[in-house]
Protein backbone atom coordinates (compact mmCIF):
# COMPACT_ATOMS: atom_id res chain seq x y z
CA MET A 1 58.85 -129.83 -19.58
CA SER A 2 59.19 -128.86 -23.23
CA GLN A 3 61.50 -131.10 -25.27
CA SER A 4 62.89 -128.21 -27.34
CA GLY A 5 63.25 -124.47 -27.32
CA ILE A 6 60.30 -123.97 -29.68
CA ASN A 7 58.19 -122.33 -26.96
CA MET A 8 60.94 -119.99 -25.86
CA THR A 9 59.76 -116.72 -27.38
CA GLU A 10 59.31 -113.37 -25.71
CA GLU A 11 55.58 -113.64 -26.24
CA SER A 12 55.36 -117.08 -24.63
CA ILE A 13 57.53 -115.95 -21.73
CA ARG A 14 55.34 -112.93 -21.07
CA LYS A 15 52.23 -115.09 -21.26
CA THR A 16 53.78 -117.52 -18.78
CA LEU A 17 54.84 -114.76 -16.37
CA SER A 18 51.35 -113.25 -16.50
CA GLN A 19 50.34 -116.09 -14.17
CA ILE A 20 52.18 -114.26 -11.36
CA ASN A 21 49.97 -111.79 -9.53
CA ASP A 22 50.90 -108.96 -7.22
CA PRO A 23 48.72 -109.74 -4.16
CA ASP A 24 48.39 -106.08 -3.13
CA LEU A 25 47.64 -104.62 -6.55
CA GLY A 26 45.50 -107.56 -7.67
CA ARG A 27 46.98 -107.70 -11.17
CA ASP A 28 49.61 -109.77 -12.93
CA ILE A 29 53.20 -108.54 -13.15
CA VAL A 30 53.14 -108.34 -16.96
CA SER A 31 50.14 -106.01 -17.19
CA LEU A 32 51.63 -103.95 -14.37
CA GLY A 33 54.77 -103.46 -16.45
CA PHE A 34 57.08 -105.16 -13.95
CA VAL A 35 58.74 -107.40 -16.58
CA LYS A 36 61.41 -105.07 -17.96
CA LYS A 37 63.83 -107.28 -19.89
CA ILE A 38 63.76 -110.73 -21.49
CA GLU A 39 66.84 -112.42 -22.94
CA ILE A 40 66.65 -115.75 -24.76
CA ALA A 41 69.61 -117.88 -25.84
CA LYS A 42 68.23 -121.19 -27.12
CA GLU A 43 66.79 -122.74 -23.96
CA LYS A 44 68.44 -120.28 -21.57
CA VAL A 45 66.25 -117.42 -20.34
CA GLY A 46 67.09 -114.27 -18.42
CA VAL A 47 64.32 -112.06 -17.06
CA THR A 48 64.44 -108.77 -15.15
CA ILE A 49 61.47 -108.00 -12.91
CA GLU A 50 61.29 -104.48 -11.51
CA LEU A 51 59.14 -104.07 -8.40
CA THR A 52 57.81 -100.88 -6.83
CA THR A 53 59.99 -101.19 -3.72
CA PRO A 54 63.08 -103.19 -2.76
CA ALA A 55 61.24 -104.01 0.48
CA CYS A 56 58.48 -105.91 -1.32
CA PRO A 57 57.26 -108.61 1.11
CA VAL A 58 56.64 -111.14 -1.68
CA LYS A 59 59.81 -110.49 -3.68
CA ASP A 60 61.34 -113.90 -2.98
CA GLN A 61 58.08 -115.73 -3.71
CA MET A 62 57.72 -113.94 -7.04
CA LYS A 63 61.28 -114.83 -8.02
CA ALA A 64 60.78 -118.50 -7.12
CA GLN A 65 57.47 -118.62 -8.99
CA ALA A 66 59.03 -117.06 -12.10
CA GLU A 67 61.91 -119.56 -12.05
CA SER A 68 59.50 -122.48 -11.68
CA LEU A 69 57.17 -121.31 -14.48
CA LEU A 70 60.01 -120.68 -16.92
CA THR A 71 61.49 -124.09 -16.18
CA GLU A 72 58.10 -125.67 -16.89
CA LEU A 73 57.95 -123.73 -20.15
CA GLY A 74 61.15 -125.40 -21.30
CA ALA A 75 64.09 -123.31 -20.14
CA THR A 76 67.08 -125.40 -19.09
CA GLU A 77 68.73 -122.44 -17.40
CA VAL A 78 66.85 -119.57 -15.80
CA GLU A 79 68.16 -116.31 -14.36
CA VAL A 80 65.58 -114.03 -12.74
CA THR A 81 66.93 -110.64 -11.64
CA MET A 82 64.79 -108.73 -9.16
CA THR A 83 65.21 -104.96 -9.16
CA ALA A 84 63.10 -102.12 -7.79
CA GLN A 85 62.18 -98.54 -8.57
CA VAL A 86 60.24 -97.01 -5.71
CA VAL A 87 56.98 -95.45 -6.86
CA GLY A 88 56.54 -91.93 -5.57
CA GLN A 89 53.57 -89.85 -4.60
CA ASN A 90 52.52 -87.71 -7.55
CA ASN A 91 51.60 -84.39 -5.97
CA PRO A 92 52.83 -80.95 -7.08
CA LYS A 93 52.51 -79.45 -3.60
CA MET A 94 54.84 -82.02 -2.08
CA ARG A 95 57.34 -81.62 -4.92
CA ALA A 96 57.37 -77.87 -4.25
CA VAL A 97 58.43 -78.43 -0.65
CA LEU A 98 60.47 -81.64 -0.98
CA PRO A 99 61.31 -81.81 -4.69
CA ALA A 100 63.39 -85.00 -4.64
CA VAL A 101 61.50 -86.97 -1.97
CA LYS A 102 59.19 -89.66 -3.33
CA ASN A 103 57.25 -90.59 -0.19
CA THR A 104 56.63 -89.12 3.25
CA ILE A 105 55.51 -91.36 6.12
CA ALA A 106 54.50 -90.13 9.58
CA VAL A 107 55.09 -92.50 12.49
CA ALA A 108 52.68 -91.38 15.19
CA SER A 109 51.13 -92.43 18.48
CA GLY A 110 48.23 -91.23 20.54
CA LYS A 111 50.33 -91.13 23.71
CA GLY A 112 53.91 -91.22 24.85
CA GLY A 113 55.75 -94.25 26.18
CA VAL A 114 54.73 -96.72 23.48
CA GLY A 115 58.15 -96.93 21.83
CA LYS A 116 57.22 -94.86 18.79
CA SER A 117 60.76 -93.55 18.22
CA THR A 118 62.19 -97.06 18.48
CA VAL A 119 59.72 -98.21 15.85
CA ALA A 120 60.42 -95.20 13.61
CA THR A 121 64.19 -95.68 13.86
CA ASN A 122 63.94 -99.37 13.02
CA LEU A 123 61.47 -98.69 10.19
CA ALA A 124 63.90 -96.24 8.58
CA SER A 125 66.87 -98.54 9.14
CA ALA A 126 64.98 -101.56 7.79
CA LEU A 127 63.99 -99.76 4.59
CA ALA A 128 67.60 -98.63 4.12
CA ARG A 129 68.81 -102.18 4.78
CA GLU A 130 66.54 -103.39 1.97
CA GLY A 131 68.18 -100.95 -0.46
CA SER A 132 66.00 -97.85 -0.38
CA SER A 133 67.27 -94.29 0.05
CA VAL A 134 65.82 -93.11 3.37
CA GLY A 135 65.67 -89.95 5.43
CA PHE A 136 64.60 -89.53 9.05
CA LEU A 137 63.15 -86.26 10.33
CA ASP A 138 62.90 -86.10 14.12
CA ALA A 139 59.68 -84.08 14.35
CA ASP A 140 59.43 -84.53 18.13
CA ILE A 141 60.73 -81.02 18.75
CA TYR A 142 60.25 -81.16 22.52
CA GLY A 143 61.79 -84.60 23.04
CA PRO A 144 64.26 -85.32 20.22
CA SER A 145 65.69 -88.83 20.36
CA ALA A 146 67.36 -89.25 16.96
CA PRO A 147 70.85 -88.10 18.10
CA LEU A 148 71.00 -90.93 20.64
CA MET A 149 69.23 -93.63 18.64
CA PHE A 150 71.31 -93.10 15.51
CA GLY A 151 74.59 -92.75 17.41
CA LEU A 152 74.99 -89.09 16.47
CA ASP A 153 75.17 -87.47 19.90
CA GLY A 154 77.31 -84.33 19.86
CA LYS A 155 77.36 -84.08 16.05
CA ARG A 156 76.45 -80.91 14.19
CA PRO A 157 75.15 -80.65 10.61
CA ASP A 158 77.03 -78.65 8.01
CA MET A 159 75.48 -75.67 6.27
CA TYR A 160 76.08 -74.14 2.84
CA GLU A 161 74.81 -71.21 0.82
CA THR A 162 73.01 -71.82 -2.46
CA SER A 163 73.46 -69.79 -5.63
CA ASP A 164 70.22 -67.98 -4.72
CA GLY A 165 71.65 -66.93 -1.38
CA ASP A 166 69.59 -69.40 0.65
CA ARG A 167 71.23 -71.37 3.43
CA LYS A 168 70.75 -75.11 3.56
CA LEU A 169 71.48 -77.63 6.29
CA VAL A 170 73.05 -80.94 5.30
CA PRO A 171 71.58 -83.93 7.16
CA LEU A 172 73.90 -86.17 9.10
CA VAL A 173 74.13 -89.77 7.92
CA ALA A 174 74.04 -92.88 10.11
CA HIS A 175 73.93 -96.44 8.81
CA GLY A 176 72.78 -95.23 5.39
CA VAL A 177 69.96 -93.01 6.73
CA LYS A 178 69.97 -89.21 6.39
CA VAL A 179 68.97 -87.75 9.76
CA MET A 180 67.88 -84.30 10.94
CA SER A 181 66.85 -83.33 14.46
CA ILE A 182 66.54 -80.21 16.61
CA GLY A 183 68.82 -82.15 18.95
CA PHE A 184 71.74 -81.51 16.59
CA LEU A 185 71.34 -77.76 17.01
CA MET A 186 71.30 -77.51 20.78
CA ASP A 187 73.05 -78.90 23.84
CA ALA A 188 71.97 -82.37 24.92
CA ASP A 189 70.63 -81.16 28.30
CA GLN A 190 68.94 -78.04 26.92
CA ALA A 191 65.15 -78.01 27.15
CA VAL A 192 63.04 -76.73 24.25
CA ILE A 193 60.67 -74.23 25.86
CA TRP A 194 58.67 -73.07 22.87
CA ARG A 195 55.04 -72.38 22.22
CA GLY A 196 53.34 -74.51 19.59
CA PRO A 197 53.76 -72.09 16.66
CA MET A 198 57.53 -71.92 17.24
CA ALA A 199 57.83 -75.71 17.22
CA ALA A 200 55.68 -75.88 14.10
CA GLY A 201 57.91 -73.30 12.44
CA ALA A 202 60.97 -75.40 13.23
CA LEU A 203 59.34 -78.39 11.57
CA ARG A 204 58.66 -76.35 8.43
CA GLN A 205 62.30 -75.30 8.32
CA PHE A 206 63.44 -78.90 8.58
CA MET A 207 61.47 -79.58 5.42
CA THR A 208 62.34 -76.48 3.41
CA ASP A 209 65.83 -75.57 4.67
CA VAL A 210 67.41 -79.04 4.69
CA ASP A 211 69.06 -80.50 1.60
CA TRP A 212 67.49 -83.96 1.70
CA GLY A 213 68.55 -84.91 -1.81
CA ASP A 214 66.95 -87.87 -3.55
CA LEU A 215 64.95 -90.04 -1.15
CA ASP A 216 62.59 -92.96 -1.64
CA TYR A 217 61.14 -92.48 1.85
CA LEU A 218 61.29 -89.67 4.40
CA ILE A 219 60.20 -90.93 7.82
CA PHE A 220 58.76 -88.40 10.27
CA ASP A 221 59.09 -89.39 13.93
CA MET A 222 56.12 -87.45 15.31
CA PRO A 223 55.58 -86.24 18.88
CA PRO A 224 52.82 -88.06 20.74
CA GLY A 225 49.31 -86.70 20.63
CA THR A 226 47.35 -84.62 18.14
CA GLY A 227 48.73 -81.08 18.40
CA ASP A 228 50.35 -78.32 16.37
CA ILE A 229 53.14 -80.44 14.90
CA GLN A 230 50.74 -82.98 13.42
CA LEU A 231 48.52 -80.28 11.94
CA THR A 232 51.48 -78.32 10.58
CA LEU A 233 52.87 -81.39 8.84
CA SER A 234 49.56 -82.37 7.26
CA GLN A 235 48.97 -78.79 6.08
CA THR A 236 52.50 -78.18 4.75
CA ILE A 237 52.82 -81.27 2.59
CA PRO A 238 50.42 -83.97 1.42
CA LEU A 239 51.73 -86.94 3.39
CA THR A 240 51.85 -90.24 1.56
CA GLY A 241 50.44 -91.75 4.74
CA ALA A 242 50.83 -92.44 8.44
CA VAL A 243 51.27 -95.43 10.71
CA ILE A 244 50.03 -95.56 14.29
CA VAL A 245 52.15 -97.17 17.02
CA THR A 246 50.43 -98.52 20.11
CA THR A 247 50.90 -101.03 22.88
CA PRO A 248 48.23 -103.67 23.56
CA GLN A 249 46.71 -102.25 26.75
CA GLU A 250 43.42 -100.38 26.51
CA LEU A 251 44.75 -96.97 27.64
CA ALA A 252 47.21 -96.84 24.75
CA LEU A 253 44.63 -98.20 22.31
CA ALA A 254 42.13 -95.48 23.25
CA ASP A 255 44.70 -92.80 22.44
CA ALA A 256 45.75 -94.61 19.26
CA ARG A 257 42.15 -94.44 18.06
CA LYS A 258 42.17 -90.66 18.61
CA GLY A 259 45.41 -90.34 16.65
CA LEU A 260 43.99 -92.34 13.78
CA ARG A 261 40.82 -90.23 13.70
CA MET A 262 42.93 -87.07 13.60
CA PHE A 263 44.75 -88.23 10.48
CA GLU A 264 41.47 -89.24 8.90
CA ARG A 265 40.07 -85.78 9.58
CA VAL A 266 42.95 -84.06 7.79
CA GLN A 267 42.65 -86.64 4.99
CA VAL A 268 45.98 -88.38 5.52
CA PRO A 269 45.78 -92.10 4.64
CA VAL A 270 46.53 -94.39 7.59
CA PHE A 271 48.48 -97.42 6.42
CA GLY A 272 47.74 -99.32 9.62
CA ILE A 273 48.55 -100.02 13.24
CA ILE A 274 51.77 -101.44 14.70
CA GLU A 275 51.60 -103.15 18.08
CA ASN A 276 54.84 -102.50 19.96
CA MET A 277 55.82 -104.25 23.20
CA SER A 278 53.40 -106.93 22.11
CA TYR A 279 55.02 -109.54 24.33
CA PHE A 280 58.16 -109.85 26.43
CA ILE A 281 60.84 -112.40 25.57
CA ALA A 282 62.75 -113.51 28.67
CA PRO A 283 66.48 -113.30 27.82
CA ASP A 284 67.41 -116.34 29.93
CA THR A 285 64.72 -118.80 28.80
CA GLY A 286 63.20 -117.32 25.64
CA THR A 287 59.76 -117.66 27.21
CA GLU A 288 57.15 -115.18 25.95
CA TYR A 289 55.06 -113.21 28.46
CA ASP A 290 52.04 -111.10 27.46
CA ILE A 291 52.75 -108.26 29.87
CA PHE A 292 50.45 -105.73 28.21
CA SER A 293 47.70 -108.13 27.02
CA ARG A 294 48.88 -109.11 23.54
CA GLY A 295 46.55 -108.70 20.58
CA GLY A 296 44.94 -105.35 21.33
CA GLY A 297 46.49 -103.71 18.30
CA LYS A 298 45.04 -106.30 15.96
CA ARG A 299 41.60 -105.92 17.52
CA ALA A 300 41.79 -102.13 17.24
CA ALA A 301 42.86 -102.36 13.60
CA ASP A 302 39.92 -104.66 12.83
CA GLU A 303 37.55 -102.36 14.68
CA LEU A 304 38.81 -99.24 12.87
CA GLY A 305 38.99 -100.89 9.46
CA VAL A 306 42.71 -100.42 8.86
CA PRO A 307 45.45 -103.01 8.26
CA PHE A 308 47.39 -104.54 11.12
CA LEU A 309 51.04 -104.10 10.15
CA GLY A 310 52.63 -106.39 12.73
CA GLU A 311 53.60 -106.94 16.34
CA ILE A 312 56.97 -106.12 17.88
CA PRO A 313 58.27 -107.95 20.96
CA LEU A 314 59.65 -106.17 24.01
CA THR A 315 63.27 -107.24 24.47
CA ILE A 316 66.30 -105.99 26.35
CA GLU A 317 68.36 -106.25 23.16
CA THR A 318 66.11 -103.80 21.31
CA ARG A 319 66.38 -101.24 24.10
CA LYS A 320 70.14 -101.69 24.34
CA ALA A 321 70.59 -101.36 20.59
CA GLY A 322 68.79 -98.02 20.66
CA ASP A 323 70.90 -96.82 23.57
CA ASP A 324 74.02 -97.87 21.66
CA GLY A 325 72.99 -95.84 18.61
CA MET A 326 72.18 -98.66 16.18
CA ALA A 327 68.76 -100.08 15.39
CA ILE A 328 68.26 -103.74 16.25
CA VAL A 329 67.57 -104.54 12.56
CA LEU A 330 71.21 -103.62 11.90
CA LYS A 331 72.87 -104.61 15.16
CA GLN A 332 71.31 -108.08 15.36
CA PRO A 333 69.86 -108.63 11.88
CA ASP A 334 69.17 -112.34 12.41
CA SER A 335 67.29 -111.95 15.70
CA PRO A 336 63.54 -112.58 16.09
CA GLN A 337 62.96 -108.96 17.02
CA ALA A 338 64.79 -107.78 13.88
CA ASP A 339 62.62 -110.15 11.82
CA ALA A 340 59.52 -108.56 13.38
CA PHE A 341 60.67 -105.06 12.45
CA MET A 342 61.60 -106.15 8.92
CA LEU A 343 58.13 -107.63 8.41
CA VAL A 344 56.53 -104.37 9.53
CA ALA A 345 58.80 -102.36 7.22
CA ARG A 346 57.92 -104.55 4.25
CA ASN A 347 54.21 -104.22 5.03
CA VAL A 348 54.54 -100.43 5.20
CA ALA A 349 56.49 -100.34 1.91
CA ALA A 350 53.81 -102.49 0.26
CA ALA A 351 51.09 -100.15 1.54
CA VAL A 352 52.93 -97.12 0.14
CA SER A 353 53.33 -98.78 -3.26
CA THR A 354 49.70 -99.87 -3.36
CA ARG A 355 48.50 -96.36 -2.57
CA ASN A 356 50.73 -94.75 -5.19
CA MET A 357 49.79 -97.28 -7.86
CA THR A 358 46.05 -97.15 -7.25
CA ALA A 359 45.01 -93.95 -5.47
CA GLU A 360 43.90 -90.85 -7.30
CA GLN A 361 46.67 -88.36 -6.68
CA THR A 362 44.84 -85.19 -5.76
CA GLN A 363 45.51 -82.54 -3.15
CA PRO A 364 43.12 -83.14 -0.25
CA GLU A 365 41.18 -80.32 1.31
CA ILE A 366 42.19 -79.92 4.95
CA ILE A 367 39.12 -79.93 7.18
CA LEU A 368 39.73 -78.79 10.74
């Protein structure tokens, strides 16, 4: 350690902090512009580091590394403040449809029954828990689940008229997440008997006729499969990206591969695969059972050349939390299953930031 404050200059501090690299972006935090403020009072140093998402998976490690390096430089007292400003997708077409939404993420699956809505609900809730502004659009027009899973059954959204004479719906809010669903506009036991173009039109209205306000992330809970809704979404706005939810067994993996290929064909980046129901945790003993042959999602991700975002256990508590209208990441935040969802959310947030910081932001040509 330095014996005096002679090394404590802004230049020396920046040089020291340049030893910290962002593992996803492959550059140091100084050249990336993450070091926003440096305060020096003799041998006391205060530094503000602004990341590209509050859900950064290496936030705590970066803070600890900065504190250690500044102490080695000679600071007797170090205060490192971690903040975040979510980086948005820079695309004029998306701003025209969703002017104040920074990122749009589709949560999709090749088939039904894999727990996609549970994953989407927990992803949105986890990002909100980390401090992001989040919206949730229930794009599963035929089987809306958001009213139940967000505890909003029986609620109806407000509507107002703009100065231009347009009418806008106001999303409902649950646990810090703005939510919109066709389920809010119809009776709970009413079936949606629409042809594909009608359902696709409803999805467009939920993007254009809803006052989403400022959002860091808008999560789309997609219907299973590769039909009209998926094509409408990819043609209406340039999605920041998609994640594919699967279970480990081969039948689900085969359909997940088809879903991934569909997004690739319409030039939507796929951030990776999430393996849900990866293993069952017995509530009485805590023993893990690989009911659906654990590990298939990781193998599929490796085979398809996309990241594996994490595995989610099958637990009674997760199911019950959804039935009770509160995601497990909020209802039991210290549980192993909540930890699994939080890890997935941080990996998704990191993937979004990496894309926005490195990818050329151009409007893709849709090839059908």
